Amino acid sequence: MDLIEKEHPELKKIQDNPNADLSTEDAIKTLQNHPETFIHPALINGPEFIRIKTPHEVVKNVSKMLLIFTI
């Protein structure tokens, strides 16, 4: 799963080849130092991981996670 927006202007500034595949370690370092390159936010609840692209997805998925969590 890609976590970094390869077309982001900041990534193009810091990487010689922004389209190159980054190692896991390099991707984590990039996200730590340049969080603006993160492709989409994510909801994480234990082992559950959901990529969020719109505000509506937050509401929809948080409701599901809360339902699962309270059962």
C-alpha atoms as a PDB file:
ATOM      1  CA  MET A   1       0.000   0.000   0.000  1.00  0.00           C
ATOM      2  CA  ASP A   2       1.368   3.388  -0.950  1.00  0.00           C
ATOM      3  CA  LEU A   3       1.392   5.862   1.905  1.00  0.00           C
ATOM      4  CA  ILE A   4       3.214   8.720   0.203  1.00  0.00           C
ATOM      5  CA  GLU A   5       1.830  11.005  -2.508  1.00  0.00           C
ATOM      6  CA  LYS A   6       4.497  10.650  -5.173  1.00  0.00           C
ATOM      7  CA  GLU A   7       3.276  13.747  -7.040  1.00  0.00           C
ATOM      8  CA  HIS A   8       3.516  15.993  -3.967  1.00  0.00           C
ATOM      9  CA  PRO A   9       5.769  19.034  -4.629  1.00  0.00           C
ATOM     10  CA  GLU A  10       7.625  18.545  -1.346  1.00  0.00           C
ATOM     11  CA  LEU A  11       8.558  14.965  -2.235  1.00  0.00           C
ATOM     12  CA  LYS A  12       9.865  16.135  -5.587  1.00  0.00           C
ATOM     13  CA  LYS A  13      12.144  18.573  -3.715  1.00  0.00           C
ATOM     14  CA  ILE A  14      13.625  15.956  -1.383  1.00  0.00           C
ATOM     15  CA  GLN A  15      13.817  12.876  -3.646  1.00  0.00           C
ATOM     16  CA  ASP A  16      15.960  12.534  -6.747  1.00  0.00           C
ATOM     17  CA  ASN A  17      13.361  10.193  -8.205  1.00  0.00           C
ATOM     18  CA  PRO A  18       9.992  10.655  -6.429  1.00  0.00           C
ATOM     19  CA  ASN A  19       8.518   7.717  -8.389  1.00  0.00           C
ATOM     20  CA  ALA A  20      11.095   5.268  -7.041  1.00  0.00           C
ATOM     21  CA  ASP A  21       9.837   2.700  -4.544  1.00  0.00           C
ATOM     22  CA  LEU A  22      10.916   3.644  -1.034  1.00  0.00           C
ATOM     23  CA  SER A  23      11.929   1.056   1.516  1.00  0.00           C
ATOM     24  CA  THR A  24       9.678   0.848   4.564  1.00  0.00           C
ATOM     25  CA  GLU A  25      12.338   2.605   6.618  1.00  0.00           C
ATOM     26  CA  ASP A  26      12.715   5.433   4.069  1.00  0.00           C
ATOM     27  CA  ALA A  27       8.933   5.844   3.825  1.00  0.00           C
ATOM     28  CA  ILE A  28       8.637   6.148   7.617  1.00  0.00           C
ATOM     29  CA  LYS A  29      11.462   8.700   7.739  1.00  0.00           C
ATOM     30  CA  THR A  30       9.856  10.688   4.921  1.00  0.00           C
ATOM     31  CA  LEU A  31       6.494  10.722   6.720  1.00  0.00           C
ATOM     32  CA  GLN A  32       8.124  11.716  10.016  1.00  0.00           C
ATOM     33  CA  ASN A  33       9.998  14.610   8.430  1.00  0.00           C
ATOM     34  CA  HIS A  34       7.392  15.579   5.793  1.00  0.00           C
ATOM     35  CA  PRO A  35       3.921  14.537   6.986  1.00  0.00           C
ATOM     36  CA  GLU A  36       2.350  16.650   4.245  1.00  0.00           C
ATOM     37  CA  THR A  37       3.355  13.905   1.783  1.00  0.00           C
ATOM     38  CA  PHE A  38       0.981  11.395   3.430  1.00  0.00           C
ATOM     39  CA  ILE A  39      -1.435  10.324   0.681  1.00  0.00           C
ATOM     40  CA  HIS A  40      -4.587  10.070   2.836  1.00  0.00           C
ATOM     41  CA  PRO A  41      -5.311  10.156   6.531  1.00  0.00           C
ATOM     42  CA  ALA A  42      -6.236   6.885   8.177  1.00  0.00           C
ATOM     43  CA  LEU A  43      -8.392   5.699  11.040  1.00  0.00           C
ATOM     44  CA  ILE A  44      -6.645   3.101  13.172  1.00  0.00           C
ATOM     45  CA  ASN A  45      -8.337   1.095  15.895  1.00  0.00           C
ATOM     46  CA  GLY A  46      -6.216  -1.839  17.003  1.00  0.00           C
ATOM     47  CA  PRO A  47      -5.866  -4.126  13.981  1.00  0.00           C
ATOM     48  CA  GLU A  48      -8.449  -2.122  11.983  1.00  0.00           C
ATOM     49  CA  PHE A  49      -7.010   0.333   9.446  1.00  0.00           C
ATOM     50  CA  ILE A  50      -9.184   2.395   7.117  1.00  0.00           C
ATOM     51  CA  ARG A  51      -7.916   4.946   4.597  1.00  0.00           C
ATOM     52  CA  ILE A  52      -9.988   8.126   4.562  1.00  0.00           C
ATOM     53  CA  LYS A  53     -10.466  10.221   1.434  1.00  0.00           C
ATOM     54  CA  THR A  54     -13.480  12.379   2.356  1.00  0.00           C
ATOM     55  CA  PRO A  55     -14.894  13.789   5.610  1.00  0.00           C
ATOM     56  CA  HIS A  56     -17.998  11.629   5.126  1.00  0.00           C
ATOM     57  CA  GLU A  57     -15.833   8.503   5.314  1.00  0.00           C
ATOM     58  CA  VAL A  58     -14.633   9.571   8.761  1.00  0.00           C
ATOM     59  CA  VAL A  59     -18.174   9.812  10.095  1.00  0.00           C
ATOM     60  CA  LYS A  60     -19.255   6.557   8.448  1.00  0.00           C
ATOM     61  CA  ASN A  61     -16.253   4.548   9.611  1.00  0.00           C
ATOM     62  CA  VAL A  62     -15.938   5.981  13.104  1.00  0.00           C
ATOM     63  CA  SER A  63     -19.541   4.957  13.692  1.00  0.00           C
ATOM     64  CA  LYS A  64     -18.704   1.407  12.555  1.00  0.00           C
ATOM     65  CA  MET A  65     -15.583   1.285  14.729  1.00  0.00           C
ATOM     66  CA  LEU A  66     -17.473   2.513  17.770  1.00  0.00           C
ATOM     67  CA  LEU A  67     -20.163  -0.110  17.199  1.00  0.00           C
ATOM     68  CA  ILE A  68     -17.533  -2.863  16.970  1.00  0.00           C
ATOM     69  CA  PHE A  69     -15.696  -1.488  19.999  1.00  0.00           C
ATOM     70  CA  THR A  70     -18.782  -1.376  22.211  1.00  0.00           C
ATOM     71  CA  ILE A  71     -20.075  -4.876  21.391  1.00  0.00           C
END
